[in-house]
Amino acid sequence: MNQEIRVALVGGSEALRKSRRELLATASNLKVIHDSDGFGLSPEALTEINFEVAVIELRLENQSALDYIKAAFVAANIRNLSFGRVLIAAQFSDKQLRLEAIRAGAVDCVFIDEGIKATIDKINLCADELSDFGIRELLLTMEKPGISGTDFQALSLALDTLDEKEAKILHGFCELKTDAQIASAIHVPKLKVRQTIAKVQKLLAINTRSQLLLKMFEAGALAL
């Protein structure tokens, strides 16, 4: 039996959320533990809900879900808290929206036009608290960006504190290797890999591994 995943539904009409609840109920391992239109639910309050995956409608009552989750990360960081993974929900598949959602702190987006199976599959992938599958898929379709010397220098300065093994771990991460593959290649425990990636996120003031991969790609440091 698959691991039970606690799901929060935020935003959208009652009819839409009812339909989504019914569809998610077809997956025995998904349990909806919060369901609201989002009105009156502050970003701070979101961080206090004991969910593993939140599906948040792009258009909330009075703001974009992207701004909303950015504010949730700020609130969590101030209180030294962590919370579950976020998927942004929208009507139609949109690559640019997926990138904007990841940049804001979401793992990925789910789209009504892709069907419920795609939504259930992504929720299940988000069971991993270190989920970064969305950006790994998108990076393979993106053109390599240019970067200014100033931006590259700023990134280099931030990473100068890494020791040799940590630098190798980051390099493996930028090659889109898994934590297990990096640990095996460098002969370190998988925990060391995860601690190093978390250290780099902190150095760059980044909340998620997905944001880190996107940042490294935009800096021209991703080996694709």
C-alpha atoms as a PDB file:
ATOM      1  CA  MET A   1       0.000   0.000   0.000  1.00  0.00           C
ATOM      2  CA  ASN A   2       1.293   3.461  -0.889  1.00  0.00           C
ATOM      3  CA  GLN A   3       2.179   5.902   1.886  1.00  0.00           C
ATOM      4  CA  GLU A   4      -0.765   8.042   2.984  1.00  0.00           C
ATOM      5  CA  ILE A   5      -0.354  11.634   1.848  1.00  0.00           C
ATOM      6  CA  ARG A   6      -2.154  14.458   3.647  1.00  0.00           C
ATOM      7  CA  VAL A   7      -3.488  16.938   1.085  1.00  0.00           C
ATOM      8  CA  ALA A   8      -4.704  20.511   1.536  1.00  0.00           C
ATOM      9  CA  LEU A   9      -6.963  22.108  -1.081  1.00  0.00           C
ATOM     10  CA  VAL A  10      -6.871  25.911  -1.096  1.00  0.00           C
ATOM     11  CA  GLY A  11      -8.744  28.274  -3.406  1.00  0.00           C
ATOM     12  CA  GLY A  12     -11.328  27.894  -6.125  1.00  0.00           C
ATOM     13  CA  SER A  13     -15.092  27.502  -5.971  1.00  0.00           C
ATOM     14  CA  GLU A  14     -16.869  24.962  -3.791  1.00  0.00           C
ATOM     15  CA  ALA A  15     -17.923  23.103  -6.945  1.00  0.00           C
ATOM     16  CA  LEU A  16     -14.345  22.885  -8.163  1.00  0.00           C
ATOM     17  CA  ARG A  17     -13.034  21.710  -4.796  1.00  0.00           C
ATOM     18  CA  LYS A  18     -15.885  19.174  -4.464  1.00  0.00           C
ATOM     19  CA  SER A  19     -14.965  17.756  -7.865  1.00  0.00           C
ATOM     20  CA  ARG A  20     -11.311  17.629  -6.893  1.00  0.00           C
ATOM     21  CA  ARG A  21     -12.092  15.939  -3.564  1.00  0.00           C
ATOM     22  CA  GLU A  22     -14.128  13.273  -5.330  1.00  0.00           C
ATOM     23  CA  LEU A  23     -11.396  12.627  -7.866  1.00  0.00           C
ATOM     24  CA  LEU A  24      -8.651  12.464  -5.240  1.00  0.00           C
ATOM     25  CA  ALA A  25     -10.800  10.020  -3.280  1.00  0.00           C
ATOM     26  CA  THR A  26     -10.226   7.519  -6.108  1.00  0.00           C
ATOM     27  CA  ALA A  27      -6.631   7.241  -4.858  1.00  0.00           C
ATOM     28  CA  SER A  28      -6.745   5.317  -1.573  1.00  0.00           C
ATOM     29  CA  ASN A  29      -3.501   6.838  -0.257  1.00  0.00           C
ATOM     30  CA  LEU A  30      -4.589  10.490  -0.585  1.00  0.00           C
ATOM     31  CA  LYS A  31      -6.382  12.052   2.393  1.00  0.00           C
ATOM     32  CA  VAL A  32      -7.772  15.588   2.146  1.00  0.00           C
ATOM     33  CA  ILE A  33      -7.207  17.139   5.568  1.00  0.00           C
ATOM     34  CA  HIS A  34      -7.967  20.774   4.677  1.00  0.00           C
ATOM     35  CA  ASP A  35     -10.385  22.275   2.174  1.00  0.00           C
ATOM     36  CA  SER A  36     -11.119  25.982   1.915  1.00  0.00           C
ATOM     37  CA  ASP A  37     -11.634  28.761  -0.610  1.00  0.00           C
ATOM     38  CA  GLY A  38      -8.572  30.438   0.892  1.00  0.00           C
ATOM     39  CA  PHE A  39     -10.478  33.556   1.953  1.00  0.00           C
ATOM     40  CA  GLY A  40      -9.161  34.602   5.352  1.00  0.00           C
ATOM     41  CA  LEU A  41      -6.442  31.941   5.307  1.00  0.00           C
ATOM     42  CA  SER A  42      -3.261  33.946   5.821  1.00  0.00           C
ATOM     43  CA  PRO A  43       0.119  32.719   4.577  1.00  0.00           C
ATOM     44  CA  GLU A  44       1.078  32.263   8.241  1.00  0.00           C
ATOM     45  CA  ALA A  45      -1.981  30.077   8.805  1.00  0.00           C
ATOM     46  CA  LEU A  46      -1.098  27.949   5.767  1.00  0.00           C
ATOM     47  CA  THR A  47       2.245  27.037   7.349  1.00  0.00           C
ATOM     48  CA  GLU A  48       0.406  25.727  10.421  1.00  0.00           C
ATOM     49  CA  ILE A  49      -1.707  23.201   8.477  1.00  0.00           C
ATOM     50  CA  ASN A  50      -0.278  19.715   8.822  1.00  0.00           C
ATOM     51  CA  PHE A  51      -0.273  18.885   5.106  1.00  0.00           C
ATOM     52  CA  GLU A  52       2.309  17.099   3.007  1.00  0.00           C
ATOM     53  CA  VAL A  53       1.046  18.482  -0.304  1.00  0.00           C
ATOM     54  CA  ALA A  54      -1.096  21.585  -0.844  1.00  0.00           C
ATOM     55  CA  VAL A  55      -2.900  22.149  -4.144  1.00  0.00           C
ATOM     56  CA  ILE A  56      -3.436  25.910  -4.356  1.00  0.00           C
ATOM     57  CA  GLU A  57      -5.466  27.610  -7.078  1.00  0.00           C
ATOM     58  CA  LEU A  58      -3.478  30.177  -9.034  1.00  0.00           C
ATOM     59  CA  ARG A  59      -6.098  32.883  -8.564  1.00  0.00           C
ATOM     60  CA  LEU A  60      -6.993  33.304  -4.918  1.00  0.00           C
ATOM     61  CA  GLU A  61      -9.583  35.707  -3.505  1.00  0.00           C
ATOM     62  CA  ASN A  62      -7.420  38.818  -3.518  1.00  0.00           C
ATOM     63  CA  GLN A  63      -3.963  37.806  -4.747  1.00  0.00           C
ATOM     64  CA  SER A  64      -1.957  35.424  -6.872  1.00  0.00           C
ATOM     65  CA  ALA A  65      -1.036  32.075  -5.342  1.00  0.00           C
ATOM     66  CA  LEU A  66       2.563  32.831  -6.333  1.00  0.00           C
ATOM     67  CA  ASP A  67       2.688  35.882  -4.056  1.00  0.00           C
ATOM     68  CA  TYR A  68       0.820  33.916  -1.406  1.00  0.00           C
ATOM     69  CA  ILE A  69       3.347  31.090  -1.184  1.00  0.00           C
ATOM     70  CA  LYS A  70       6.261  33.532  -1.280  1.00  0.00           C
ATOM     71  CA  ALA A  71       4.742  35.180   1.782  1.00  0.00           C
ATOM     72  CA  ALA A  72       4.245  31.746   3.395  1.00  0.00           C
ATOM     73  CA  PHE A  73       7.957  30.981   3.015  1.00  0.00           C
ATOM     74  CA  VAL A  74       8.854  34.354   4.535  1.00  0.00           C
ATOM     75  CA  ALA A  75       6.546  33.681   7.485  1.00  0.00           C
ATOM     76  CA  ALA A  76       7.971  30.184   7.974  1.00  0.00           C
ATOM     77  CA  ASN A  77      11.564  31.417   7.794  1.00  0.00           C
ATOM     78  CA  ILE A  78      10.926  34.122  10.381  1.00  0.00           C
ATOM     79  CA  ARG A  79       9.632  31.489  12.804  1.00  0.00           C
ATOM     80  CA  ASN A  80      12.200  28.883  11.749  1.00  0.00           C
ATOM     81  CA  LEU A  81       9.449  26.527  10.589  1.00  0.00           C
ATOM     82  CA  SER A  82       9.004  24.281   7.593  1.00  0.00           C
ATOM     83  CA  PHE A  83       5.823  23.188   5.854  1.00  0.00           C
ATOM     84  CA  GLY A  84       4.723  20.787   3.125  1.00  0.00           C
ATOM     85  CA  ARG A  85       5.161  20.926  -0.626  1.00  0.00           C
ATOM     86  CA  VAL A  86       2.996  23.093  -2.888  1.00  0.00           C
ATOM     87  CA  LEU A  87       1.458  22.472  -6.301  1.00  0.00           C
ATOM     88  CA  ILE A  88      -0.155  25.411  -8.118  1.00  0.00           C
ATOM     89  CA  ALA A  89      -3.417  24.538  -9.891  1.00  0.00           C
ATOM     90  CA  ALA A  90      -4.563  26.186 -13.113  1.00  0.00           C
ATOM     91  CA  GLN A  91      -6.829  25.463 -16.069  1.00  0.00           C
ATOM     92  CA  PHE A  92      -4.466  24.992 -19.003  1.00  0.00           C
ATOM     93  CA  SER A  93      -0.943  23.597 -19.301  1.00  0.00           C
ATOM     94  CA  ASP A  94       1.596  26.434 -19.340  1.00  0.00           C
ATOM     95  CA  LYS A  95       5.370  25.960 -19.252  1.00  0.00           C
ATOM     96  CA  GLN A  96       6.064  29.560 -18.237  1.00  0.00           C
ATOM     97  CA  LEU A  97       3.633  29.303 -15.322  1.00  0.00           C
ATOM     98  CA  ARG A  98       5.399  26.141 -14.173  1.00  0.00           C
ATOM     99  CA  LEU A  99       8.696  28.056 -14.067  1.00  0.00           C
ATOM    100  CA  GLU A 100       7.125  31.004 -12.235  1.00  0.00           C
ATOM    101  CA  ALA A 101       5.558  28.615  -9.712  1.00  0.00           C
ATOM    102  CA  ILE A 102       8.904  26.901  -9.073  1.00  0.00           C
ATOM    103  CA  ARG A 103      10.616  30.256  -8.726  1.00  0.00           C
ATOM    104  CA  ALA A 104       8.012  31.207  -6.102  1.00  0.00           C
ATOM    105  CA  GLY A 105       8.629  28.019  -4.095  1.00  0.00           C
ATOM    106  CA  ALA A 106       6.192  25.442  -5.522  1.00  0.00           C
ATOM    107  CA  VAL A 107       7.343  22.036  -6.718  1.00  0.00           C
ATOM    108  CA  ASP A 108       5.300  22.245  -9.931  1.00  0.00           C
ATOM    109  CA  CYS A 109       1.839  22.962 -11.330  1.00  0.00           C
ATOM    110  CA  VAL A 110      -1.163  20.748 -11.988  1.00  0.00           C
ATOM    111  CA  PHE A 111      -3.529  21.540 -14.849  1.00  0.00           C
ATOM    112  CA  ILE A 112      -7.170  20.573 -15.299  1.00  0.00           C
ATOM    113  CA  ASP A 113      -6.674  19.965 -19.027  1.00  0.00           C
ATOM    114  CA  GLU A 114      -4.062  17.270 -18.278  1.00  0.00           C
ATOM    115  CA  GLY A 115      -6.559  15.140 -16.348  1.00  0.00           C
ATOM    116  CA  ILE A 116      -6.839  13.864 -12.800  1.00  0.00           C
ATOM    117  CA  LYS A 117      -4.294  11.064 -13.265  1.00  0.00           C
ATOM    118  CA  ALA A 118      -1.563  13.650 -13.888  1.00  0.00           C
ATOM    119  CA  THR A 119      -2.616  15.482 -10.713  1.00  0.00           C
ATOM    120  CA  ILE A 120      -2.607  12.303  -8.629  1.00  0.00           C
ATOM    121  CA  ASP A 121       0.778  11.303 -10.056  1.00  0.00           C
ATOM    122  CA  LYS A 122       2.301  14.668  -9.110  1.00  0.00           C
ATOM    123  CA  ILE A 123       0.828  14.573  -5.616  1.00  0.00           C
ATOM    124  CA  ASN A 124       2.383  11.139  -5.142  1.00  0.00           C
ATOM    125  CA  LEU A 125       5.750  12.389  -6.381  1.00  0.00           C
ATOM    126  CA  CYS A 126       5.477  15.197  -3.821  1.00  0.00           C
ATOM    127  CA  ALA A 127       5.395  12.613  -1.042  1.00  0.00           C
ATOM    128  CA  ASP A 128       9.180  13.028  -1.094  1.00  0.00           C
ATOM    129  CA  GLU A 129       9.932  16.111   0.983  1.00  0.00           C
ATOM    130  CA  LEU A 130      12.902  16.848  -1.306  1.00  0.00           C
ATOM    131  CA  SER A 131      10.807  16.737  -4.477  1.00  0.00           C
ATOM    132  CA  ASP A 132      12.316  18.548  -7.453  1.00  0.00           C
ATOM    133  CA  PHE A 133      10.934  16.517 -10.354  1.00  0.00           C
ATOM    134  CA  GLY A 134       9.206  19.470 -12.038  1.00  0.00           C
ATOM    135  CA  ILE A 135      12.309  21.568 -12.597  1.00  0.00           C
ATOM    136  CA  ARG A 136      14.372  18.546 -13.668  1.00  0.00           C
ATOM    137  CA  GLU A 137      11.857  17.901 -16.434  1.00  0.00           C
ATOM    138  CA  LEU A 138      11.654  21.539 -17.506  1.00  0.00           C
ATOM    139  CA  LEU A 139      15.407  22.184 -17.582  1.00  0.00           C
ATOM    140  CA  LEU A 140      15.870  19.593 -20.300  1.00  0.00           C
ATOM    141  CA  THR A 141      13.603  21.655 -22.574  1.00  0.00           C
ATOM    142  CA  MET A 142      15.104  25.096 -21.906  1.00  0.00           C
ATOM    143  CA  GLU A 143      17.716  27.010 -23.847  1.00  0.00           C
ATOM    144  CA  LYS A 144      20.888  27.800 -21.957  1.00  0.00           C
ATOM    145  CA  PRO A 145      20.766  31.384 -20.724  1.00  0.00           C
ATOM    146  CA  GLY A 146      23.452  33.989 -20.790  1.00  0.00           C
ATOM    147  CA  ILE A 147      24.696  35.508 -17.541  1.00  0.00           C
ATOM    148  CA  SER A 148      26.422  38.752 -16.719  1.00  0.00           C
ATOM    149  CA  GLY A 149      29.896  38.729 -15.188  1.00  0.00           C
ATOM    150  CA  THR A 150      28.504  40.537 -12.145  1.00  0.00           C
ATOM    151  CA  ASP A 151      25.844  37.895 -11.484  1.00  0.00           C
ATOM    152  CA  PHE A 152      28.296  35.050 -11.933  1.00  0.00           C
ATOM    153  CA  GLN A 153      30.788  36.706  -9.579  1.00  0.00           C
ATOM    154  CA  ALA A 154      28.087  37.171  -6.935  1.00  0.00           C
ATOM    155  CA  LEU A 155      27.188  33.491  -7.142  1.00  0.00           C
ATOM    156  CA  SER A 156      30.839  32.437  -6.987  1.00  0.00           C
ATOM    157  CA  LEU A 157      31.460  34.545  -3.886  1.00  0.00           C
ATOM    158  CA  ALA A 158      28.472  32.973  -2.147  1.00  0.00           C
ATOM    159  CA  LEU A 159      29.836  29.479  -2.838  1.00  0.00           C
ATOM    160  CA  ASP A 160      33.462  30.160  -1.880  1.00  0.00           C
ATOM    161  CA  THR A 161      32.820  28.769   1.605  1.00  0.00           C
ATOM    162  CA  LEU A 162      32.278  25.233   0.272  1.00  0.00           C
ATOM    163  CA  ASP A 163      35.056  22.731   0.863  1.00  0.00           C
ATOM    164  CA  GLU A 164      36.257  20.337  -1.842  1.00  0.00           C
ATOM    165  CA  LYS A 165      33.728  17.588  -1.139  1.00  0.00           C
ATOM    166  CA  GLU A 166      30.875  20.054  -0.828  1.00  0.00           C
ATOM    167  CA  ALA A 167      31.832  21.576  -4.181  1.00  0.00           C
ATOM    168  CA  LYS A 168      31.797  18.101  -5.750  1.00  0.00           C
ATOM    169  CA  ILE A 169      28.380  17.436  -4.246  1.00  0.00           C
ATOM    170  CA  LEU A 170      27.035  20.661  -5.723  1.00  0.00           C
ATOM    171  CA  HIS A 171      28.588  19.770  -9.080  1.00  0.00           C
ATOM    172  CA  GLY A 172      26.827  16.391  -9.009  1.00  0.00           C
ATOM    173  CA  PHE A 173      23.558  18.109  -8.138  1.00  0.00           C
ATOM    174  CA  CYS A 174      24.040  20.407 -11.121  1.00  0.00           C
ATOM    175  CA  GLU A 175      24.489  17.331 -13.311  1.00  0.00           C
ATOM    176  CA  LEU A 176      20.981  16.282 -12.201  1.00  0.00           C
ATOM    177  CA  LYS A 177      22.299  13.202 -10.398  1.00  0.00           C
ATOM    178  CA  THR A 178      20.231  11.773  -7.577  1.00  0.00           C
ATOM    179  CA  ASP A 179      21.375  12.080  -3.967  1.00  0.00           C
ATOM    180  CA  ALA A 180      22.227   8.372  -3.985  1.00  0.00           C
ATOM    181  CA  GLN A 181      24.298   8.709  -7.168  1.00  0.00           C
ATOM    182  CA  ILE A 182      26.186  11.691  -5.752  1.00  0.00           C
ATOM    183  CA  ALA A 183      26.853   9.899  -2.460  1.00  0.00           C
ATOM    184  CA  SER A 184      28.172   6.824  -4.281  1.00  0.00           C
ATOM    185  CA  ALA A 185      30.433   8.810  -6.621  1.00  0.00           C
ATOM    186  CA  ILE A 186      31.986  10.966  -3.870  1.00  0.00           C
ATOM    187  CA  HIS A 187      31.976   8.283  -1.151  1.00  0.00           C
ATOM    188  CA  VAL A 188      29.955  10.234   1.390  1.00  0.00           C
ATOM    189  CA  PRO A 189      26.698   9.372   3.209  1.00  0.00           C
ATOM    190  CA  LYS A 190      23.495  10.455   1.505  1.00  0.00           C
ATOM    191  CA  LEU A 191      22.805  12.612   4.568  1.00  0.00           C
ATOM    192  CA  LYS A 192      25.985  14.598   3.797  1.00  0.00           C
ATOM    193  CA  VAL A 193      24.687  15.238   0.283  1.00  0.00           C
ATOM    194  CA  ARG A 194      21.393  16.548   1.609  1.00  0.00           C
ATOM    195  CA  GLN A 195      23.067  18.671   4.275  1.00  0.00           C
ATOM    196  CA  THR A 196      25.355  20.235   1.675  1.00  0.00           C
ATOM    197  CA  ILE A 197      22.506  21.090  -0.685  1.00  0.00           C
ATOM    198  CA  ALA A 198      20.606  22.608   2.243  1.00  0.00           C
ATOM    199  CA  LYS A 199      23.731  24.625   3.115  1.00  0.00           C
ATOM    200  CA  VAL A 200      23.926  26.021  -0.417  1.00  0.00           C
ATOM    201  CA  GLN A 201      20.219  26.919  -0.305  1.00  0.00           C
ATOM    202  CA  LYS A 202      20.866  28.869   2.881  1.00  0.00           C
ATOM    203  CA  LEU A 203      23.915  30.619   1.391  1.00  0.00           C
ATOM    204  CA  LEU A 204      21.835  31.781  -1.561  1.00  0.00           C
ATOM    205  CA  ALA A 205      18.683  32.517   0.504  1.00  0.00           C
ATOM    206  CA  ILE A 206      16.720  29.910  -1.467  1.00  0.00           C
ATOM    207  CA  ASN A 207      13.916  27.833   0.048  1.00  0.00           C
ATOM    208  CA  THR A 208      13.721  24.735  -2.166  1.00  0.00           C
ATOM    209  CA  ARG A 209      15.958  22.411  -4.146  1.00  0.00           C
ATOM    210  CA  SER A 210      13.886  23.239  -7.227  1.00  0.00           C
ATOM    211  CA  GLN A 211      14.702  26.936  -6.831  1.00  0.00           C
ATOM    212  CA  LEU A 212      18.368  26.037  -6.425  1.00  0.00           C
ATOM    213  CA  LEU A 213      18.464  23.994  -9.631  1.00  0.00           C
ATOM    214  CA  LEU A 214      16.767  26.820 -11.517  1.00  0.00           C
ATOM    215  CA  LYS A 215      19.192  29.363 -10.043  1.00  0.00           C
ATOM    216  CA  MET A 216      22.219  27.286 -11.015  1.00  0.00           C
ATOM    217  CA  PHE A 217      20.839  26.799 -14.518  1.00  0.00           C
ATOM    218  CA  GLU A 218      20.238  30.537 -14.933  1.00  0.00           C
ATOM    219  CA  ALA A 219      23.791  31.134 -13.723  1.00  0.00           C
ATOM    220  CA  GLY A 220      25.139  28.857 -16.442  1.00  0.00           C
ATOM    221  CA  ALA A 221      26.422  26.368 -13.868  1.00  0.00           C
ATOM    222  CA  LEU A 222      24.157  23.458 -14.745  1.00  0.00           C
ATOM    223  CA  ALA A 223      25.808  20.715 -16.768  1.00  0.00           C
ATOM    224  CA  LEU A 224      23.059  19.658 -19.188  1.00  0.00           C
END
